[in-house]
Amino acid sequence: QVQLVESGGGLVQVGGSLRLSCTVSENIFNFNRVDWYRQAPGKQRELVAGIRPGGTFIYDDSVKDRVFCYHAENTVYLQMNNLRPEDTAVYYCNTVLLSRTYWGQGTQVTVSS
């Protein structure tokens, strides 16, 4: 069983930056994707960015010029810059291992204007 633990959320002003962390209990990066999702109040959960086996990264078009995803050891980081009010959401880490989906508990990001 894999555990995902997010951290790094908080309250930030428009234009500010945050770095979110997702620590995975096992080193699965050689054969599994790990993704960052977010869910704003009243909205569906949506994919923000992720790392694929082999080390490539994917980004949603809404954030690709402001977000940088990278990986070190068992942690995936989401560096978010020039934050906007619409980035306010709970950010979750996600992976699928042996056909089972795992989610972290989420970390709240609030961008104030």
Protein backbone atom coordinates (compact mmCIF):
# COMPACT_ATOMS: atom_id res chain seq x y z
CA GLN A 1 0.00 0.00 0.00
CA VAL A 2 1.32 3.41 -0.99
CA GLN A 3 0.94 6.53 1.13
CA LEU A 4 1.03 10.06 -0.26
CA VAL A 5 1.54 13.02 2.06
CA GLU A 6 1.19 16.59 0.82
CA SER A 7 2.49 19.69 2.53
CA GLY A 8 3.40 23.28 1.78
CA GLY A 9 0.01 24.90 1.30
CA GLY A 10 -0.99 28.15 2.89
CA LEU A 11 -2.28 31.67 2.42
CA VAL A 12 -0.50 33.83 -0.12
CA GLN A 13 -1.21 37.11 -1.85
CA VAL A 14 -1.81 37.48 -5.58
CA GLY A 15 1.49 37.23 -7.42
CA GLY A 16 3.13 35.23 -4.66
CA SER A 17 4.69 31.78 -4.76
CA LEU A 18 4.33 28.48 -2.97
CA ARG A 19 6.11 25.15 -3.18
CA LEU A 20 4.00 22.09 -2.50
CA SER A 21 5.54 18.73 -1.62
CA CYS A 22 4.19 15.23 -2.09
CA THR A 23 6.17 12.55 -0.29
CA VAL A 24 5.52 9.01 -1.46
CA SER A 25 6.10 6.10 0.93
CA GLU A 26 7.74 3.99 -1.79
CA ASN A 27 10.03 4.80 -4.69
CA ILE A 28 7.60 4.15 -7.53
CA PHE A 29 8.80 6.77 -9.97
CA ASN A 30 10.54 4.41 -12.36
CA PHE A 31 7.28 2.74 -13.33
CA ASN A 32 4.42 4.90 -12.04
CA ARG A 33 3.12 8.34 -12.69
CA VAL A 34 2.51 10.74 -9.81
CA ASP A 35 0.14 13.62 -10.43
CA TRP A 36 -0.96 16.82 -8.76
CA TYR A 37 -4.69 17.57 -8.83
CA ARG A 38 -6.66 20.43 -7.34
CA GLN A 39 -10.25 20.95 -6.35
CA ALA A 40 -11.77 24.38 -5.86
CA PRO A 41 -15.02 24.85 -3.92
CA GLY A 42 -17.98 23.74 -6.01
CA LYS A 43 -15.80 22.45 -8.83
CA GLN A 44 -14.55 19.09 -10.01
CA ARG A 45 -11.08 17.88 -9.23
CA GLU A 46 -8.72 18.72 -12.10
CA LEU A 47 -5.23 17.68 -13.15
CA VAL A 48 -2.59 20.36 -12.65
CA ALA A 49 0.74 18.67 -13.37
CA GLY A 50 2.50 15.37 -13.07
CA ILE A 51 5.59 13.27 -13.55
CA ARG A 52 5.68 10.26 -15.84
CA PRO A 53 7.97 7.19 -15.76
CA GLY A 54 11.22 8.21 -17.40
CA GLY A 55 11.14 11.67 -15.88
CA THR A 56 8.95 13.65 -18.24
CA PHE A 57 6.45 16.17 -16.90
CA ILE A 58 3.01 17.24 -18.00
CA TYR A 59 1.16 20.45 -17.23
CA ASP A 60 -2.36 21.70 -17.67
CA ASP A 61 -2.54 24.65 -20.07
CA SER A 62 -3.98 26.87 -17.33
CA VAL A 63 -0.78 26.68 -15.28
CA LYS A 64 2.07 25.69 -17.58
CA ASP A 65 3.69 29.12 -17.65
CA ARG A 66 3.53 29.50 -13.87
CA VAL A 67 4.10 26.04 -12.47
CA PHE A 68 7.22 23.90 -12.33
CA CYS A 69 7.11 20.26 -11.25
CA TYR A 70 10.23 18.36 -10.22
CA HIS A 71 11.23 15.27 -8.32
CA ALA A 72 13.91 14.41 -5.79
CA GLU A 73 14.15 11.00 -4.12
CA ASN A 74 10.63 10.07 -2.99
CA THR A 75 9.16 13.57 -3.21
CA VAL A 76 7.43 15.39 -6.05
CA TYR A 77 7.42 19.16 -5.77
CA LEU A 78 5.03 21.65 -7.32
CA GLN A 79 6.54 25.11 -7.51
CA MET A 80 3.78 27.62 -8.20
CA ASN A 81 4.59 31.21 -9.12
CA ASN A 82 2.55 34.31 -9.90
CA LEU A 83 -0.41 32.83 -8.06
CA ARG A 84 -3.91 34.01 -8.90
CA PRO A 85 -7.18 33.89 -6.93
CA GLU A 86 -8.38 31.12 -9.27
CA ASP A 87 -5.54 28.93 -8.02
CA THR A 88 -7.30 28.72 -4.66
CA ALA A 89 -8.07 25.05 -4.07
CA VAL A 90 -7.14 21.95 -2.16
CA TYR A 91 -4.19 20.34 -3.91
CA TYR A 92 -3.93 16.56 -3.94
CA CYS A 93 -1.27 14.07 -4.91
CA ASN A 94 -2.37 10.98 -6.83
CA THR A 95 -1.01 7.75 -8.22
CA VAL A 96 -2.28 4.41 -9.46
CA LEU A 97 -0.45 1.25 -8.44
CA LEU A 98 -1.57 -2.26 -9.43
CA SER A 99 -4.93 -0.85 -10.57
CA ARG A 100 -5.56 0.81 -7.22
CA THR A 101 -5.87 4.59 -6.97
CA TYR A 102 -4.20 6.43 -4.11
CA TRP A 103 -4.80 10.00 -2.94
CA GLY A 104 -3.13 12.09 -0.32
CA GLN A 105 -5.09 14.06 2.26
CA GLY A 106 -4.61 17.32 0.37
CA THR A 107 -3.13 20.69 1.22
CA GLN A 108 -5.06 23.96 1.06
CA VAL A 109 -3.81 26.82 -1.09
CA THR A 110 -5.56 30.15 -0.69
CA VAL A 111 -4.65 33.13 -2.83
CA SER A 112 -5.94 36.44 -1.54
CA SER A 113 -6.42 39.60 -3.52
